[in-house]
Structure formats: C-alpha cells, structure tokens
Amino acid sequence: AAATEAARAAATTARVNVEINLGGITSDPVRAELAAAT
C-alpha cells in the first residue's frame, strides 16, 4: 500500500508539472502526446 500511495503521489504531482508547461509548447503533436500522458 505504501508503494502504491507513493506511486499515486508521483503520478499526480508529475501531472501538474506536465500541465504547467503545455501552454508554452508550440508543437501541436507534442502537446497532444504530453496531454495523453496525463
């Protein structure tokens, strides 16, 4: 359980760190790829 909770924290924290960068990325394919990851 501790492992999955740490993994959940990793994923949710990483998501906002992807999202904060999306607005400044000019390539539509790259934006779509990164959005899909989140």
PDB file of all heavy atoms in Angstrom:
ATOM      1  N   ALA A   1       0.830  -1.206   0.000  1.00  0.00           N
ATOM      2  CA  ALA A   1       0.000   0.000   0.000  1.00  0.00           C
ATOM      3  C   ALA A   1       0.863   1.255   0.000  1.00  0.00           C
ATOM      4  O   ALA A   1       0.574   2.225  -0.717  1.00  0.00           O
ATOM      5  CB  ALA A   1      -0.937   0.003   1.210  1.00  0.00           C
ATOM      6  N   ALA A   2       1.920   1.248   0.797  1.00  0.00           N
ATOM      7  CA  ALA A   2       2.813   2.410   0.830  1.00  0.00           C
ATOM      8  C   ALA A   2       3.416   2.670  -0.543  1.00  0.00           C
ATOM      9  O   ALA A   2       3.556   3.828  -0.971  1.00  0.00           O
ATOM     10  CB  ALA A   2       3.913   2.195   1.868  1.00  0.00           C
ATOM     11  N   ALA A   3       3.767   1.591  -1.245  1.00  0.00           N
ATOM     12  CA  ALA A   3       4.335   1.739  -2.583  1.00  0.00           C
ATOM     13  C   ALA A   3       3.333   2.367  -3.537  1.00  0.00           C
ATOM     14  O   ALA A   3       3.672   3.271  -4.312  1.00  0.00           O
ATOM     15  CB  ALA A   3       4.797   0.378  -3.113  1.00  0.00           C
ATOM     16  N   THR A   4       2.088   1.883  -3.495  1.00  0.00           N
ATOM     17  CA  THR A   4       1.101   2.429  -4.430  1.00  0.00           C
ATOM     18  C   THR A   4       0.730   3.861  -4.071  1.00  0.00           C
ATOM     19  O   THR A   4       0.466   4.674  -4.966  1.00  0.00           O
ATOM     20  CB  THR A   4      -0.164   1.559  -4.491  1.00  0.00           C
ATOM     21  OG1 THR A   4      -0.715   1.411  -3.187  1.00  0.00           O
ATOM     22  CG2 THR A   4       0.136   0.200  -5.074  1.00  0.00           C
ATOM     23  N   GLU A   5       0.710   4.190  -2.785  1.00  0.00           N
ATOM     24  CA  GLU A   5       0.430   5.581  -2.405  1.00  0.00           C
ATOM     25  C   GLU A   5       1.548   6.506  -2.850  1.00  0.00           C
ATOM     26  O   GLU A   5       1.300   7.634  -3.299  1.00  0.00           O
ATOM     27  CB  GLU A   5       0.204   5.684  -0.896  1.00  0.00           C
ATOM     28  CG  GLU A   5      -1.077   5.034  -0.408  1.00  0.00           C
ATOM     29  CD  GLU A   5      -2.325   5.650  -1.029  1.00  0.00           C
ATOM     30  OE1 GLU A   5      -2.348   6.865  -1.294  1.00  0.00           O
ATOM     31  OE2 GLU A   5      -3.290   4.899  -1.259  1.00  0.00           O
ATOM     32  N   ALA A   6       2.792   6.034  -2.748  1.00  0.00           N
ATOM     33  CA  ALA A   6       3.908   6.841  -3.245  1.00  0.00           C
ATOM     34  C   ALA A   6       3.835   6.979  -4.761  1.00  0.00           C
ATOM     35  O   ALA A   6       4.124   8.052  -5.320  1.00  0.00           O
ATOM     36  CB  ALA A   6       5.242   6.210  -2.832  1.00  0.00           C
ATOM     37  N   ALA A   7       3.435   5.902  -5.439  1.00  0.00           N
ATOM     38  CA  ALA A   7       3.285   5.969  -6.893  1.00  0.00           C
ATOM     39  C   ALA A   7       2.148   6.918  -7.279  1.00  0.00           C
ATOM     40  O   ALA A   7       2.253   7.648  -8.269  1.00  0.00           O
ATOM     41  CB  ALA A   7       3.020   4.576  -7.454  1.00  0.00           C
ATOM     42  N   ARG A   8       1.076   6.887  -6.511  1.00  0.00           N
ATOM     43  CA  ARG A   8      -0.021   7.822  -6.783  1.00  0.00           C
ATOM     44  C   ARG A   8       0.457   9.266  -6.623  1.00  0.00           C
ATOM     45  O   ARG A   8       0.154  10.129  -7.470  1.00  0.00           O
ATOM     46  CB  ARG A   8      -1.198   7.563  -5.850  1.00  0.00           C
ATOM     47  CG  ARG A   8      -2.241   8.671  -5.921  1.00  0.00           C
ATOM     48  CD  ARG A   8      -3.602   8.293  -5.416  1.00  0.00           C
ATOM     49  NE  ARG A   8      -3.674   7.750  -4.082  1.00  0.00           N
ATOM     50  CZ  ARG A   8      -4.843   7.495  -3.477  1.00  0.00           C
ATOM     51  NH1 ARG A   8      -5.998   7.746  -4.077  1.00  0.00           N
ATOM     52  NH2 ARG A   8      -4.863   6.976  -2.251  1.00  0.00           N
ATOM     53  N   ALA A   9       1.193   9.542  -5.553  1.00  0.00           N
ATOM     54  CA  ALA A   9       1.732  10.893  -5.356  1.00  0.00           C
ATOM     55  C   ALA A   9       2.655  11.282  -6.508  1.00  0.00           C
ATOM     56  O   ALA A   9       2.641  12.432  -6.969  1.00  0.00           O
ATOM     57  CB  ALA A   9       2.473  10.975  -4.027  1.00  0.00           C
ATOM     58  N   ALA A  10       3.449  10.326  -6.967  1.00  0.00           N
ATOM     59  CA  ALA A  10       4.343  10.596  -8.100  1.00  0.00           C
ATOM     60  C   ALA A  10       3.546  10.998  -9.330  1.00  0.00           C
ATOM     61  O   ALA A  10       3.864  11.986 -10.003  1.00  0.00           O
ATOM     62  CB  ALA A  10       5.190   9.362  -8.406  1.00  0.00           C
ATOM     63  N   ALA A  11       2.494  10.237  -9.627  1.00  0.00           N
ATOM     64  CA  ALA A  11       1.716  10.494 -10.841  1.00  0.00           C
ATOM     65  C   ALA A  11       0.955  11.806 -10.774  1.00  0.00           C
ATOM     66  O   ALA A  11       0.946  12.583 -11.736  1.00  0.00           O
ATOM     67  CB  ALA A  11       0.753   9.334 -11.092  1.00  0.00           C
ATOM     68  N   THR A  12       0.318  12.081  -9.651  1.00  0.00           N
ATOM     69  CA  THR A  12      -0.483  13.306  -9.556  1.00  0.00           C
ATOM     70  C   THR A  12       0.399  14.550  -9.493  1.00  0.00           C
ATOM     71  O   THR A  12       0.046  15.596 -10.052  1.00  0.00           O
ATOM     72  CB  THR A  12      -1.424  13.260  -8.343  1.00  0.00           C
ATOM     73  OG1 THR A  12      -0.663  13.021  -7.150  1.00  0.00           O
ATOM     74  CG2 THR A  12      -2.469  12.170  -8.510  1.00  0.00           C
ATOM     75  N   THR A  13       1.557  14.419  -8.851  1.00  0.00           N
ATOM     76  CA  THR A  13       2.492  15.547  -8.814  1.00  0.00           C
ATOM     77  C   THR A  13       3.104  15.774 -10.189  1.00  0.00           C
ATOM     78  O   THR A  13       3.237  16.916 -10.647  1.00  0.00           O
ATOM     79  CB  THR A  13       3.602  15.286  -7.784  1.00  0.00           C
ATOM     80  OG1 THR A  13       3.012  15.043  -6.513  1.00  0.00           O
ATOM     81  CG2 THR A  13       4.542  16.477  -7.677  1.00  0.00           C
ATOM     82  N   ALA A  14       3.475  14.692 -10.851  1.00  0.00           N
ATOM     83  CA  ALA A  14       4.054  14.824 -12.188  1.00  0.00           C
ATOM     84  C   ALA A  14       3.054  15.424 -13.162  1.00  0.00           C
ATOM     85  O   ALA A  14       3.428  16.208 -14.044  1.00  0.00           O
ATOM     86  CB  ALA A  14       4.520  13.460 -12.685  1.00  0.00           C
ATOM     87  N   ARG A  15       1.780  15.077 -13.016  1.00  0.00           N
ATOM     88  CA  ARG A  15       0.765  15.603 -13.939  1.00  0.00           C
ATOM     89  C   ARG A  15       0.742  17.125 -13.950  1.00  0.00           C
ATOM     90  O   ARG A  15       0.744  17.733 -15.026  1.00  0.00           O
ATOM     91  CB  ARG A  15      -0.620  15.068 -13.563  1.00  0.00           C
ATOM     92  CG  ARG A  15      -1.743  15.698 -14.390  1.00  0.00           C
ATOM     93  CD  ARG A  15      -3.074  15.000 -14.150  1.00  0.00           C
ATOM     94  NE  ARG A  15      -3.475  15.003 -12.754  1.00  0.00           N
ATOM     95  CZ  ARG A  15      -4.549  14.362 -12.294  1.00  0.00           C
ATOM     96  NH1 ARG A  15      -5.318  13.656 -13.109  1.00  0.00           N
ATOM     97  NH2 ARG A  15      -4.851  14.408 -11.005  1.00  0.00           N
ATOM     98  N   VAL A  16       0.746  17.749 -12.786  1.00  0.00           N
ATOM     99  CA  VAL A  16       0.693  19.215 -12.777  1.00  0.00           C
ATOM    100  C   VAL A  16       1.974  19.816 -13.332  1.00  0.00           C
ATOM    101  O   VAL A  16       1.954  20.921 -13.888  1.00  0.00           O
ATOM    102  CB  VAL A  16       0.381  19.779 -11.370  1.00  0.00           C
ATOM    103  CG1 VAL A  16      -1.013  19.370 -10.934  1.00  0.00           C
ATOM    104  CG2 VAL A  16       1.417  19.360 -10.340  1.00  0.00           C
ATOM    105  N   ASN A  17       3.076  19.073 -13.206  1.00  0.00           N
ATOM    106  CA  ASN A  17       4.337  19.574 -13.759  1.00  0.00           C
ATOM    107  C   ASN A  17       4.397  19.434 -15.271  1.00  0.00           C
ATOM    108  O   ASN A  17       5.146  20.167 -15.929  1.00  0.00           O
ATOM    109  CB  ASN A  17       5.515  18.865 -13.091  1.00  0.00           C
ATOM    110  CG  ASN A  17       5.823  19.445 -11.733  1.00  0.00           C
ATOM    111  OD1 ASN A  17       6.541  20.439 -11.616  1.00  0.00           O
ATOM    112  ND2 ASN A  17       5.254  18.858 -10.689  1.00  0.00           N
ATOM    113  N   VAL A  18       3.638  18.507 -15.820  1.00  0.00           N
ATOM    114  CA  VAL A  18       3.460  18.476 -17.273  1.00  0.00           C
ATOM    115  C   VAL A  18       2.548  19.613 -17.701  1.00  0.00           C
ATOM    116  O   VAL A  18       2.852  20.382 -18.624  1.00  0.00           O
ATOM    117  CB  VAL A  18       2.876  17.121 -17.734  1.00  0.00           C
ATOM    118  CG1 VAL A  18       2.544  17.180 -19.230  1.00  0.00           C
ATOM    119  CG2 VAL A  18       3.843  15.984 -17.457  1.00  0.00           C
ATOM    120  N   GLU A  19       1.419  19.737 -17.019  1.00  0.00           N
ATOM    121  CA  GLU A  19       0.397  20.696 -17.428  1.00  0.00           C
ATOM    122  C   GLU A  19       0.881  22.140 -17.393  1.00  0.00           C
ATOM    123  O   GLU A  19       0.482  22.946 -18.246  1.00  0.00           O
ATOM    124  CB  GLU A  19      -0.842  20.527 -16.555  1.00  0.00           C
ATOM    125  CG  GLU A  19      -1.561  19.203 -16.798  1.00  0.00           C
ATOM    126  CD  GLU A  19      -2.681  18.926 -15.821  1.00  0.00           C
ATOM    127  OE1 GLU A  19      -2.694  19.541 -14.724  1.00  0.00           O
ATOM    128  OE2 GLU A  19      -3.554  18.103 -16.143  1.00  0.00           O
ATOM    129  N   ILE A  20       1.747  22.473 -16.433  1.00  0.00           N
ATOM    130  CA  ILE A  20       2.213  23.858 -16.327  1.00  0.00           C
ATOM    131  C   ILE A  20       3.045  24.268 -17.542  1.00  0.00           C
ATOM    132  O   ILE A  20       3.138  25.451 -17.880  1.00  0.00           O
ATOM    133  CB  ILE A  20       3.027  24.066 -15.032  1.00  0.00           C
ATOM    134  CG1 ILE A  20       3.309  25.555 -14.777  1.00  0.00           C
ATOM    135  CG2 ILE A  20       4.335  23.285 -15.073  1.00  0.00           C
ATOM    136  CD1 ILE A  20       2.091  26.393 -14.564  1.00  0.00           C
ATOM    137  N   ASN A  21       3.615  23.269 -18.224  1.00  0.00           N
ATOM    138  CA  ASN A  21       4.456  23.561 -19.381  1.00  0.00           C
ATOM    139  C   ASN A  21       3.707  23.537 -20.710  1.00  0.00           C
ATOM    140  O   ASN A  21       4.224  24.032 -21.718  1.00  0.00           O
ATOM    141  CB  ASN A  21       5.617  22.564 -19.441  1.00  0.00           C
ATOM    142  CG  ASN A  21       6.591  22.734 -18.289  1.00  0.00           C
ATOM    143  OD1 ASN A  21       7.186  23.791 -18.120  1.00  0.00           O
ATOM    144  ND2 ASN A  21       6.741  21.696 -17.493  1.00  0.00           N
ATOM    145  N   LEU A  22       2.518  22.961 -20.733  1.00  0.00           N
ATOM    146  CA  LEU A  22       1.819  22.755 -22.005  1.00  0.00           C
ATOM    147  C   LEU A  22       1.513  24.055 -22.729  1.00  0.00           C
ATOM    148  O   LEU A  22       1.594  24.124 -23.958  1.00  0.00           O
ATOM    149  CB  LEU A  22       0.519  21.978 -21.773  1.00  0.00           C
ATOM    150  CG  LEU A  22       0.662  20.484 -21.477  1.00  0.00           C
ATOM    151  CD1 LEU A  22      -0.713  19.867 -21.251  1.00  0.00           C
ATOM    152  CD2 LEU A  22       1.380  19.770 -22.604  1.00  0.00           C
ATOM    153  N   GLY A  23       1.149  25.096 -21.976  1.00  0.00           N
ATOM    154  CA  GLY A  23       0.737  26.349 -22.604  1.00  0.00           C
ATOM    155  C   GLY A  23       1.810  26.996 -23.456  1.00  0.00           C
ATOM    156  O   GLY A  23       1.494  27.706 -24.419  1.00  0.00           O
ATOM    157  N   GLY A  24       3.070  26.746 -23.131  1.00  0.00           N
ATOM    158  CA  GLY A  24       4.150  27.384 -23.878  1.00  0.00           C
ATOM    159  C   GLY A  24       4.737  26.524 -24.977  1.00  0.00           C
ATOM    160  O   GLY A  24       5.672  26.953 -25.656  1.00  0.00           O
ATOM    161  N   ILE A  25       4.217  25.313 -25.152  1.00  0.00           N
ATOM    162  CA  ILE A  25       4.728  24.413 -26.194  1.00  0.00           C
ATOM    163  C   ILE A  25       3.969  24.675 -27.483  1.00  0.00           C
ATOM    164  O   ILE A  25       2.744  24.631 -27.516  1.00  0.00           O
ATOM    165  CB  ILE A  25       4.588  22.941 -25.753  1.00  0.00           C
ATOM    166  CG1 ILE A  25       5.466  22.690 -24.527  1.00  0.00           C
ATOM    167  CG2 ILE A  25       4.977  21.995 -26.886  1.00  0.00           C
ATOM    168  CD1 ILE A  25       5.287  21.327 -23.897  1.00  0.00           C
ATOM    169  N   THR A  26       4.696  24.952 -28.548  1.00  0.00           N
ATOM    170  CA  THR A  26       4.062  25.382 -29.798  1.00  0.00           C
ATOM    171  C   THR A  26       3.720  24.229 -30.739  1.00  0.00           C
ATOM    172  O   THR A  26       2.919  24.403 -31.651  1.00  0.00           O
ATOM    173  CB  THR A  26       4.981  26.376 -30.526  1.00  0.00           C
ATOM    174  OG1 THR A  26       6.269  25.772 -30.726  1.00  0.00           O
ATOM    175  CG2 THR A  26       5.151  27.646 -29.706  1.00  0.00           C
ATOM    176  N   SER A  27       4.309  23.072 -30.535  1.00  0.00           N
ATOM    177  CA  SER A  27       4.058  21.936 -31.417  1.00  0.00           C
ATOM    178  C   SER A  27       2.779  21.214 -30.991  1.00  0.00           C
ATOM    179  O   SER A  27       2.705  20.674 -29.881  1.00  0.00           O
ATOM    180  CB  SER A  27       5.235  20.956 -31.373  1.00  0.00           C
ATOM    181  OG  SER A  27       4.899  19.739 -31.996  1.00  0.00           O
ATOM    182  N   ASP A  28       1.790  21.192 -31.878  1.00  0.00           N
ATOM    183  CA  ASP A  28       0.531  20.514 -31.557  1.00  0.00           C
ATOM    184  C   ASP A  28       0.721  19.021 -31.309  1.00  0.00           C
ATOM    185  O   ASP A  28       0.134  18.469 -30.373  1.00  0.00           O
ATOM    186  CB  ASP A  28      -0.498  20.749 -32.662  1.00  0.00           C
ATOM    187  CG  ASP A  28      -1.015  22.181 -32.679  1.00  0.00           C
ATOM    188  OD1 ASP A  28      -0.924  22.865 -31.629  1.00  0.00           O
ATOM    189  OD2 ASP A  28      -1.517  22.609 -33.730  1.00  0.00           O
ATOM    190  N   PRO A  29       1.519  18.315 -32.138  1.00  0.00           N
ATOM    191  CA  PRO A  29       1.722  16.881 -31.854  1.00  0.00           C
ATOM    192  C   PRO A  29       2.369  16.633 -30.492  1.00  0.00           C
ATOM    193  O   PRO A  29       2.001  15.683 -29.790  1.00  0.00           O
ATOM    194  CB  PRO A  29       2.631  16.421 -32.996  1.00  0.00           C
ATOM    195  CG  PRO A  29       2.374  17.389 -34.100  1.00  0.00           C
ATOM    196  CD  PRO A  29       2.132  18.694 -33.421  1.00  0.00           C
ATOM    197  N   VAL A  30       3.320  17.479 -30.120  1.00  0.00           N
ATOM    198  CA  VAL A  30       3.972  17.300 -28.822  1.00  0.00           C
ATOM    199  C   VAL A  30       2.986  17.575 -27.698  1.00  0.00           C
ATOM    200  O   VAL A  30       2.921  16.838 -26.699  1.00  0.00           O
ATOM    201  CB  VAL A  30       5.203  18.214 -28.707  1.00  0.00           C
ATOM    202  CG1 VAL A  30       5.755  18.210 -27.280  1.00  0.00           C
ATOM    203  CG2 VAL A  30       6.284  17.774 -29.685  1.00  0.00           C
ATOM    204  N   ARG A  31       2.201  18.633 -27.853  1.00  0.00           N
ATOM    205  CA  ARG A  31       1.181  18.939 -26.833  1.00  0.00           C
ATOM    206  C   ARG A  31       0.214  17.774 -26.678  1.00  0.00           C
ATOM    207  O   ARG A  31      -0.146  17.389 -25.559  1.00  0.00           O
ATOM    208  CB  ARG A  31       0.404  20.212 -27.221  1.00  0.00           C
ATOM    209  CG  ARG A  31       1.161  21.509 -26.976  1.00  0.00           C
ATOM    210  CD  ARG A  31       0.413  22.703 -27.584  1.00  0.00           C
ATOM    211  NE  ARG A  31      -0.959  22.760 -27.093  1.00  0.00           N
ATOM    212  CZ  ARG A  31      -1.337  23.364 -25.960  1.00  0.00           C
ATOM    213  NH1 ARG A  31      -0.413  23.930 -25.202  1.00  0.00           N
ATOM    214  NH2 ARG A  31      -2.588  23.397 -25.594  1.00  0.00           N
ATOM    215  N   ALA A  32      -0.217  17.200 -27.792  1.00  0.00           N
ATOM    216  CA  ALA A  32      -1.156  16.078 -27.738  1.00  0.00           C
ATOM    217  C   ALA A  32      -0.518  14.870 -27.062  1.00  0.00           C
ATOM    218  O   ALA A  32      -1.162  14.170 -26.260  1.00  0.00           O
ATOM    219  CB  ALA A  32      -1.616  15.727 -29.145  1.00  0.00           C
ATOM    220  N   GLU A  33       0.738  14.611 -27.383  1.00  0.00           N
ATOM    221  CA  GLU A  33       1.450  13.483 -26.776  1.00  0.00           C
ATOM    222  C   GLU A  33       1.550  13.640 -25.265  1.00  0.00           C
ATOM    223  O   GLU A  33       1.300  12.696 -24.498  1.00  0.00           O
ATOM    224  CB  GLU A  33       2.847  13.390 -27.389  1.00  0.00           C
ATOM    225  CG  GLU A  33       3.746  12.341 -26.757  1.00  0.00           C
ATOM    226  CD  GLU A  33       5.192  12.480 -27.179  1.00  0.00           C
ATOM    227  OE1 GLU A  33       5.478  13.223 -28.149  1.00  0.00           O
ATOM    228  OE2 GLU A  33       6.051  11.850 -26.536  1.00  0.00           O
ATOM    229  N   LEU A  34       1.916  14.846 -24.835  1.00  0.00           N
ATOM    230  CA  LEU A  34       2.085  15.083 -23.405  1.00  0.00           C
ATOM    231  C   LEU A  34       0.743  15.085 -22.680  1.00  0.00           C
ATOM    232  O   LEU A  34       0.634  14.587 -21.549  1.00  0.00           O
ATOM    233  CB  LEU A  34       2.817  16.406 -23.183  1.00  0.00           C
ATOM    234  CG  LEU A  34       4.283  16.412 -23.642  1.00  0.00           C
ATOM    235  CD1 LEU A  34       4.837  17.823 -23.642  1.00  0.00           C
ATOM    236  CD2 LEU A  34       5.128  15.499 -22.756  1.00  0.00           C
ATOM    237  N   ALA A  35      -0.278  15.643 -23.319  1.00  0.00           N
ATOM    238  CA  ALA A  35      -1.608  15.625 -22.712  1.00  0.00           C
ATOM    239  C   ALA A  35      -2.101  14.194 -22.544  1.00  0.00           C
ATOM    240  O   ALA A  35      -2.745  13.853 -21.540  1.00  0.00           O
ATOM    241  CB  ALA A  35      -2.585  16.435 -23.558  1.00  0.00           C
ATOM    242  N   ALA A  36      -1.787  13.348 -23.514  1.00  0.00           N
ATOM    243  CA  ALA A  36      -2.186  11.946 -23.421  1.00  0.00           C
ATOM    244  C   ALA A  36      -1.512  11.258 -22.240  1.00  0.00           C
ATOM    245  O   ALA A  36      -2.103  10.376 -21.595  1.00  0.00           O
ATOM    246  CB  ALA A  36      -1.852  11.220 -24.718  1.00  0.00           C
ATOM    247  N   ALA A  37      -0.285  11.660 -21.943  1.00  0.00           N
ATOM    248  CA  ALA A  37       0.430  11.059 -20.812  1.00  0.00           C
ATOM    249  C   ALA A  37      -0.250  11.373 -19.490  1.00  0.00           C
ATOM    250  O   ALA A  37      -0.211  10.564 -18.555  1.00  0.00           O
ATOM    251  CB  ALA A  37       1.880  11.559 -20.791  1.00  0.00           C
ATOM    252  N   THR A  38      -0.869  12.537 -19.411  1.00  0.00           N
ATOM    253  CA  THR A  38      -1.545  12.925 -18.164  1.00  0.00           C
ATOM    254  C   THR A  38      -2.958  12.361 -18.070  1.00  0.00           C
ATOM    255  O   THR A  38      -3.524  12.318 -16.976  1.00  0.00           O
ATOM    256  CB  THR A  38      -1.634  14.454 -18.031  1.00  0.00           C
ATOM    257  OG1 THR A  38      -2.508  14.985 -19.037  1.00  0.00           O
ATOM    258  CG2 THR A  38      -0.258  15.102 -18.164  1.00  0.00           C
TER     259      THR A  38
END
